[in-house]
Amino acid sequence: MADEVFSGGVSVTGVEPGATTIAIKSTTNPNISKKVPVTVKSRNLLAYGPASGNGLTVTVAQDGSLDFSSGTESVPLNKGVRWKFDVPEGIVGVPLIISYTGNVPGNLIIGIYANANSLGGVYQGKNNTVVTIPKGTTRVELRILRGGVTAGSVSGNLKIQLELGNTAHEWMKPDVTSLEGGGGGVS
């Protein structure tokens, strides 16, 4: 019997990211088995963390979601916060869906940008937007900006997710929730 050669890889998405093992056992030879350590990564491809700018302060809640507050200060239109991060491997040129869970506080617009151009976004009344990161892009931005027609205060919590495909799934905390963000706006 010839050895089988498998190409490609194994993709594991779990409910909880972290370290675990996979038990591999032969169905034809009971003497062949192996436990392989793996790291389960979040399906949420975003990277974010604490940020402040333009009167808006964002903190990471214990569950990994984002808390927004401007106190009594008004956040100017088309201004807010942003995070820049490297594009995860394997997501350039393929459909991705951005979605949120919760009530979007203060007319916030959540968008994904590449090379200062909006790829698409979500806001109260529009969720589950499919975007594609252009080929050659190495860094993207998550921007959360004040929308609407007037400046105003912001307070609330959101669970934002960017994942492969065109169907949104239950929110998962991203792997990176310690990335420092800063103030930003529409360029």
C-alpha atoms as a PDB file:
ATOM      1  CA  MET A   1       0.000   0.000   0.000  1.00  0.00           C
ATOM      2  CA  ALA A   2       1.466   3.351  -1.031  1.00  0.00           C
ATOM      3  CA  ASP A   3       1.742   6.289   1.323  1.00  0.00           C
ATOM      4  CA  GLU A   4      -0.891   8.955   0.755  1.00  0.00           C
ATOM      5  CA  VAL A   5       0.322  12.507   0.333  1.00  0.00           C
ATOM      6  CA  PHE A   6      -2.019  15.295   1.342  1.00  0.00           C
ATOM      7  CA  SER A   7      -1.545  18.758  -0.031  1.00  0.00           C
ATOM      8  CA  GLY A   8      -3.039  21.936   1.357  1.00  0.00           C
ATOM      9  CA  GLY A   9      -3.782  22.275   5.003  1.00  0.00           C
ATOM     10  CA  VAL A  10      -6.310  21.956   7.726  1.00  0.00           C
ATOM     11  CA  SER A  11      -8.402  24.935   8.719  1.00  0.00           C
ATOM     12  CA  VAL A  12      -9.866  24.911  12.214  1.00  0.00           C
ATOM     13  CA  THR A  13     -12.411  27.442  13.388  1.00  0.00           C
ATOM     14  CA  GLY A  14     -13.724  27.037  16.870  1.00  0.00           C
ATOM     15  CA  VAL A  15     -16.119  28.833  19.136  1.00  0.00           C
ATOM     16  CA  GLU A  16     -13.245  29.878  21.376  1.00  0.00           C
ATOM     17  CA  PRO A  17      -9.827  30.800  20.031  1.00  0.00           C
ATOM     18  CA  GLY A  18      -6.811  29.355  21.802  1.00  0.00           C
ATOM     19  CA  ALA A  19      -4.607  26.285  22.047  1.00  0.00           C
ATOM     20  CA  THR A  20      -5.963  22.768  21.699  1.00  0.00           C
ATOM     21  CA  THR A  21      -5.021  19.435  20.117  1.00  0.00           C
ATOM     22  CA  ILE A  22      -6.424  17.429  17.242  1.00  0.00           C
ATOM     23  CA  ALA A  23      -6.368  13.655  17.488  1.00  0.00           C
ATOM     24  CA  ILE A  24      -5.632  12.010  14.130  1.00  0.00           C
ATOM     25  CA  LYS A  25      -6.271   8.266  13.905  1.00  0.00           C
ATOM     26  CA  SER A  26      -6.119   5.859  11.019  1.00  0.00           C
ATOM     27  CA  THR A  27      -9.299   3.967  10.255  1.00  0.00           C
ATOM     28  CA  THR A  28      -7.332   1.204   8.506  1.00  0.00           C
ATOM     29  CA  ASN A  29      -4.382   0.794  10.874  1.00  0.00           C
ATOM     30  CA  PRO A  30      -5.146   1.233  14.598  1.00  0.00           C
ATOM     31  CA  ASN A  31      -1.420   1.620  15.384  1.00  0.00           C
ATOM     32  CA  ILE A  32      -1.326   4.956  13.576  1.00  0.00           C
ATOM     33  CA  SER A  33      -2.458   7.870  15.672  1.00  0.00           C
ATOM     34  CA  LYS A  34      -1.086  11.255  16.503  1.00  0.00           C
ATOM     35  CA  LYS A  35      -2.098  14.219  18.639  1.00  0.00           C
ATOM     36  CA  VAL A  36      -1.203  17.488  16.973  1.00  0.00           C
ATOM     37  CA  PRO A  37      -1.177  20.801  18.826  1.00  0.00           C
ATOM     38  CA  VAL A  38      -3.069  23.549  17.000  1.00  0.00           C
ATOM     39  CA  THR A  39      -3.991  27.139  17.624  1.00  0.00           C
ATOM     40  CA  VAL A  40      -7.587  27.993  16.872  1.00  0.00           C
ATOM     41  CA  LYS A  41      -7.858  31.491  15.434  1.00  0.00           C
ATOM     42  CA  SER A  42     -10.902  33.716  15.448  1.00  0.00           C
ATOM     43  CA  ARG A  43     -12.930  33.950  12.263  1.00  0.00           C
ATOM     44  CA  ASN A  44     -13.082  37.704  13.049  1.00  0.00           C
ATOM     45  CA  LEU A  45     -10.206  39.160  11.002  1.00  0.00           C
ATOM     46  CA  LEU A  46     -10.304  42.647  12.561  1.00  0.00           C
ATOM     47  CA  ALA A  47      -7.624  44.053  14.831  1.00  0.00           C
ATOM     48  CA  TYR A  48      -8.471  46.861  17.236  1.00  0.00           C
ATOM     49  CA  GLY A  49      -7.961  48.117  20.776  1.00  0.00           C
ATOM     50  CA  PRO A  50      -8.261  51.295  22.811  1.00  0.00           C
ATOM     51  CA  ALA A  51      -8.523  54.514  20.797  1.00  0.00           C
ATOM     52  CA  SER A  52      -9.472  58.119  21.224  1.00  0.00           C
ATOM     53  CA  GLY A  53      -9.787  61.121  18.976  1.00  0.00           C
ATOM     54  CA  ASN A  54     -12.223  63.772  17.837  1.00  0.00           C
ATOM     55  CA  GLY A  55     -14.061  63.655  21.165  1.00  0.00           C
ATOM     56  CA  LEU A  56     -14.677  59.893  20.960  1.00  0.00           C
ATOM     57  CA  THR A  57     -13.152  57.348  23.341  1.00  0.00           C
ATOM     58  CA  VAL A  58     -13.252  53.629  22.559  1.00  0.00           C
ATOM     59  CA  THR A  59     -12.331  50.913  25.046  1.00  0.00           C
ATOM     60  CA  VAL A  60     -12.351  47.138  24.722  1.00  0.00           C
ATOM     61  CA  ALA A  61     -14.966  45.476  26.927  1.00  0.00           C
ATOM     62  CA  GLN A  62     -14.156  42.270  28.805  1.00  0.00           C
ATOM     63  CA  ASP A  63     -15.794  40.152  26.069  1.00  0.00           C
ATOM     64  CA  GLY A  64     -13.716  41.855  23.341  1.00  0.00           C
ATOM     65  CA  SER A  65     -16.486  44.109  22.028  1.00  0.00           C
ATOM     66  CA  LEU A  66     -16.062  47.868  21.753  1.00  0.00           C
ATOM     67  CA  ASP A  67     -17.490  50.443  24.187  1.00  0.00           C
ATOM     68  CA  PHE A  68     -17.973  53.945  22.746  1.00  0.00           C
ATOM     69  CA  SER A  69     -18.281  57.169  24.709  1.00  0.00           C
ATOM     70  CA  SER A  70     -17.949  60.862  24.012  1.00  0.00           C
ATOM     71  CA  GLY A  71     -19.338  61.948  27.377  1.00  0.00           C
ATOM     72  CA  THR A  72     -20.959  65.339  26.893  1.00  0.00           C
ATOM     73  CA  GLU A  73     -18.637  66.221  24.003  1.00  0.00           C
ATOM     74  CA  SER A  74     -19.926  66.229  20.421  1.00  0.00           C
ATOM     75  CA  VAL A  75     -18.161  64.103  17.830  1.00  0.00           C
ATOM     76  CA  PRO A  76     -17.824  66.097  14.552  1.00  0.00           C
ATOM     77  CA  LEU A  77     -19.418  64.723  11.384  1.00  0.00           C
ATOM     78  CA  ASN A  78     -17.202  62.291   9.469  1.00  0.00           C
ATOM     79  CA  LYS A  79     -14.709  62.155  12.350  1.00  0.00           C
ATOM     80  CA  GLY A  80     -13.985  59.423  14.862  1.00  0.00           C
ATOM     81  CA  VAL A  81     -11.321  56.780  15.410  1.00  0.00           C
ATOM     82  CA  ARG A  82      -9.371  54.309  13.292  1.00  0.00           C
ATOM     83  CA  TRP A  83      -7.012  51.364  13.487  1.00  0.00           C
ATOM     84  CA  LYS A  84      -4.480  50.404  10.802  1.00  0.00           C
ATOM     85  CA  PHE A  85      -3.435  46.763  10.573  1.00  0.00           C
ATOM     86  CA  ASP A  86      -1.705  44.359   8.220  1.00  0.00           C
ATOM     87  CA  VAL A  87      -3.955  42.412   5.880  1.00  0.00           C
ATOM     88  CA  PRO A  88      -4.266  38.829   7.154  1.00  0.00           C
ATOM     89  CA  GLU A  89      -2.879  36.235   4.771  1.00  0.00           C
ATOM     90  CA  GLY A  90      -5.273  34.825   2.193  1.00  0.00           C
ATOM     91  CA  ILE A  91      -7.984  37.490   2.230  1.00  0.00           C
ATOM     92  CA  VAL A  92      -6.937  39.757  -0.647  1.00  0.00           C
ATOM     93  CA  GLY A  93      -9.239  39.529  -3.665  1.00  0.00           C
ATOM     94  CA  VAL A  94     -11.850  37.314  -1.992  1.00  0.00           C
ATOM     95  CA  PRO A  95     -15.307  38.230  -0.644  1.00  0.00           C
ATOM     96  CA  LEU A  96     -15.380  39.357   2.997  1.00  0.00           C
ATOM     97  CA  ILE A  97     -18.393  40.426   5.022  1.00  0.00           C
ATOM     98  CA  ILE A  98     -18.417  43.172   7.610  1.00  0.00           C
ATOM     99  CA  SER A  99     -21.205  43.011  10.172  1.00  0.00           C
ATOM    100  CA  TYR A 100     -22.146  44.213  13.631  1.00  0.00           C
ATOM    101  CA  THR A 101     -24.274  43.146  16.563  1.00  0.00           C
ATOM    102  CA  GLY A 102     -25.861  45.772  18.783  1.00  0.00           C
ATOM    103  CA  ASN A 103     -27.414  49.167  18.279  1.00  0.00           C
ATOM    104  CA  VAL A 104     -25.088  51.520  16.444  1.00  0.00           C
ATOM    105  CA  PRO A 105     -24.650  54.407  18.887  1.00  0.00           C
ATOM    106  CA  GLY A 106     -24.809  58.014  17.735  1.00  0.00           C
ATOM    107  CA  ASN A 107     -25.154  57.368  14.000  1.00  0.00           C
ATOM    108  CA  LEU A 108     -21.732  55.717  13.762  1.00  0.00           C
ATOM    109  CA  ILE A 109     -20.507  54.419  10.419  1.00  0.00           C
ATOM    110  CA  ILE A 110     -18.148  51.433  10.524  1.00  0.00           C
ATOM    111  CA  GLY A 111     -16.011  51.121   7.396  1.00  0.00           C
ATOM    112  CA  ILE A 112     -13.093  49.206   5.947  1.00  0.00           C
ATOM    113  CA  TYR A 113     -10.592  51.308   3.997  1.00  0.00           C
ATOM    114  CA  ALA A 114      -7.669  50.406   1.739  1.00  0.00           C
ATOM    115  CA  ASN A 115      -5.290  53.044   0.403  1.00  0.00           C
ATOM    116  CA  ALA A 116      -7.590  55.781   1.841  1.00  0.00           C
ATOM    117  CA  ASN A 117     -10.545  54.462  -0.207  1.00  0.00           C
ATOM    118  CA  SER A 118     -13.685  53.067   1.393  1.00  0.00           C
ATOM    119  CA  LEU A 119     -14.336  49.446   0.488  1.00  0.00           C
ATOM    120  CA  GLY A 120     -17.728  49.496   2.198  1.00  0.00           C
ATOM    121  CA  GLY A 121     -19.254  49.680   5.605  1.00  0.00           C
ATOM    122  CA  VAL A 122     -22.179  49.195   7.924  1.00  0.00           C
ATOM    123  CA  TYR A 123     -24.362  51.495   9.995  1.00  0.00           C
ATOM    124  CA  GLN A 124     -27.741  51.464  11.704  1.00  0.00           C
ATOM    125  CA  GLY A 125     -30.160  50.313   9.027  1.00  0.00           C
ATOM    126  CA  LYS A 126     -27.441  48.699   6.860  1.00  0.00           C
ATOM    127  CA  ASN A 127     -25.659  45.571   8.069  1.00  0.00           C
ATOM    128  CA  ASN A 128     -23.817  42.655   6.440  1.00  0.00           C
ATOM    129  CA  THR A 129     -21.882  44.411   3.668  1.00  0.00           C
ATOM    130  CA  VAL A 130     -19.657  42.353   1.368  1.00  0.00           C
ATOM    131  CA  VAL A 131     -16.276  43.938   0.538  1.00  0.00           C
ATOM    132  CA  THR A 132     -13.171  42.842  -1.362  1.00  0.00           C
ATOM    133  CA  ILE A 133      -9.661  43.994  -0.503  1.00  0.00           C
ATOM    134  CA  PRO A 134      -7.874  44.896  -3.762  1.00  0.00           C
ATOM    135  CA  LYS A 135      -4.857  42.872  -4.870  1.00  0.00           C
ATOM    136  CA  GLY A 136      -1.576  44.437  -3.799  1.00  0.00           C
ATOM    137  CA  THR A 137      -3.041  45.836  -0.563  1.00  0.00           C
ATOM    138  CA  THR A 138      -0.896  45.123   2.501  1.00  0.00           C
ATOM    139  CA  ARG A 139      -2.589  47.327   5.132  1.00  0.00           C
ATOM    140  CA  VAL A 140      -6.210  48.220   5.796  1.00  0.00           C
ATOM    141  CA  GLU A 141      -8.015  50.520   8.205  1.00  0.00           C
ATOM    142  CA  LEU A 142     -11.060  50.010  10.346  1.00  0.00           C
ATOM    143  CA  ARG A 143     -12.684  53.429  10.723  1.00  0.00           C
ATOM    144  CA  ILE A 144     -15.564  54.288  13.009  1.00  0.00           C
ATOM    145  CA  LEU A 145     -16.915  57.733  12.186  1.00  0.00           C
ATOM    146  CA  ARG A 146     -19.821  59.950  13.230  1.00  0.00           C
ATOM    147  CA  GLY A 147     -22.478  59.937  10.524  1.00  0.00           C
ATOM    148  CA  GLY A 148     -25.818  61.648  10.272  1.00  0.00           C
ATOM    149  CA  VAL A 149     -26.432  65.315   9.591  1.00  0.00           C
ATOM    150  CA  THR A 150     -25.232  66.945  12.816  1.00  0.00           C
ATOM    151  CA  ALA A 151     -22.423  66.434  15.302  1.00  0.00           C
ATOM    152  CA  GLY A 152     -23.462  64.769  18.541  1.00  0.00           C
ATOM    153  CA  SER A 153     -22.529  62.667  21.505  1.00  0.00           C
ATOM    154  CA  VAL A 154     -21.939  58.911  21.270  1.00  0.00           C
ATOM    155  CA  SER A 155     -22.470  56.170  23.850  1.00  0.00           C
ATOM    156  CA  GLY A 156     -22.890  52.421  23.397  1.00  0.00           C
ATOM    157  CA  ASN A 157     -21.369  49.020  22.653  1.00  0.00           C
ATOM    158  CA  LEU A 158     -20.821  47.148  19.385  1.00  0.00           C
ATOM    159  CA  LYS A 159     -19.576  43.749  18.323  1.00  0.00           C
ATOM    160  CA  ILE A 160     -17.980  44.306  14.902  1.00  0.00           C
ATOM    161  CA  GLN A 161     -16.786  41.469  12.693  1.00  0.00           C
ATOM    162  CA  LEU A 162     -14.979  41.033   9.366  1.00  0.00           C
ATOM    163  CA  GLU A 163     -14.903  37.461   8.105  1.00  0.00           C
ATOM    164  CA  LEU A 164     -14.401  35.387   4.971  1.00  0.00           C
ATOM    165  CA  GLY A 165     -17.371  34.817   2.696  1.00  0.00           C
ATOM    166  CA  ASN A 166     -20.652  36.591   2.156  1.00  0.00           C
ATOM    167  CA  THR A 167     -22.622  35.276   5.132  1.00  0.00           C
ATOM    168  CA  ALA A 168     -22.269  36.774   8.603  1.00  0.00           C
ATOM    169  CA  HIS A 169     -21.934  34.328  11.495  1.00  0.00           C
ATOM    170  CA  GLU A 170     -22.197  34.715  15.250  1.00  0.00           C
ATOM    171  CA  TRP A 171     -19.710  37.315  16.495  1.00  0.00           C
ATOM    172  CA  MET A 172     -16.314  36.165  17.784  1.00  0.00           C
ATOM    173  CA  LYS A 173     -13.765  38.292  19.585  1.00  0.00           C
ATOM    174  CA  PRO A 174     -10.865  39.069  17.216  1.00  0.00           C
ATOM    175  CA  ASP A 175      -7.436  37.643  17.988  1.00  0.00           C
ATOM    176  CA  VAL A 176      -6.019  41.161  18.405  1.00  0.00           C
ATOM    177  CA  THR A 177      -7.802  43.542  20.815  1.00  0.00           C
ATOM    178  CA  SER A 178      -4.743  45.473  22.007  1.00  0.00           C
ATOM    179  CA  LEU A 179      -3.923  47.451  18.843  1.00  0.00           C
ATOM    180  CA  GLU A 180      -3.709  51.161  19.694  1.00  0.00           C
ATOM    181  CA  GLY A 181      -5.937  53.291  17.525  1.00  0.00           C
ATOM    182  CA  GLY A 182      -6.206  57.015  17.077  1.00  0.00           C
ATOM    183  CA  GLY A 183      -8.321  59.824  15.734  1.00  0.00           C
ATOM    184  CA  GLY A 184      -9.349  59.792  12.142  1.00  0.00           C
ATOM    185  CA  GLY A 185     -11.840  60.969   9.624  1.00  0.00           C
ATOM    186  CA  VAL A 186     -12.818  60.809   6.012  1.00  0.00           C
ATOM    187  CA  SER A 187      -9.813  61.776   3.871  1.00  0.00           C
END
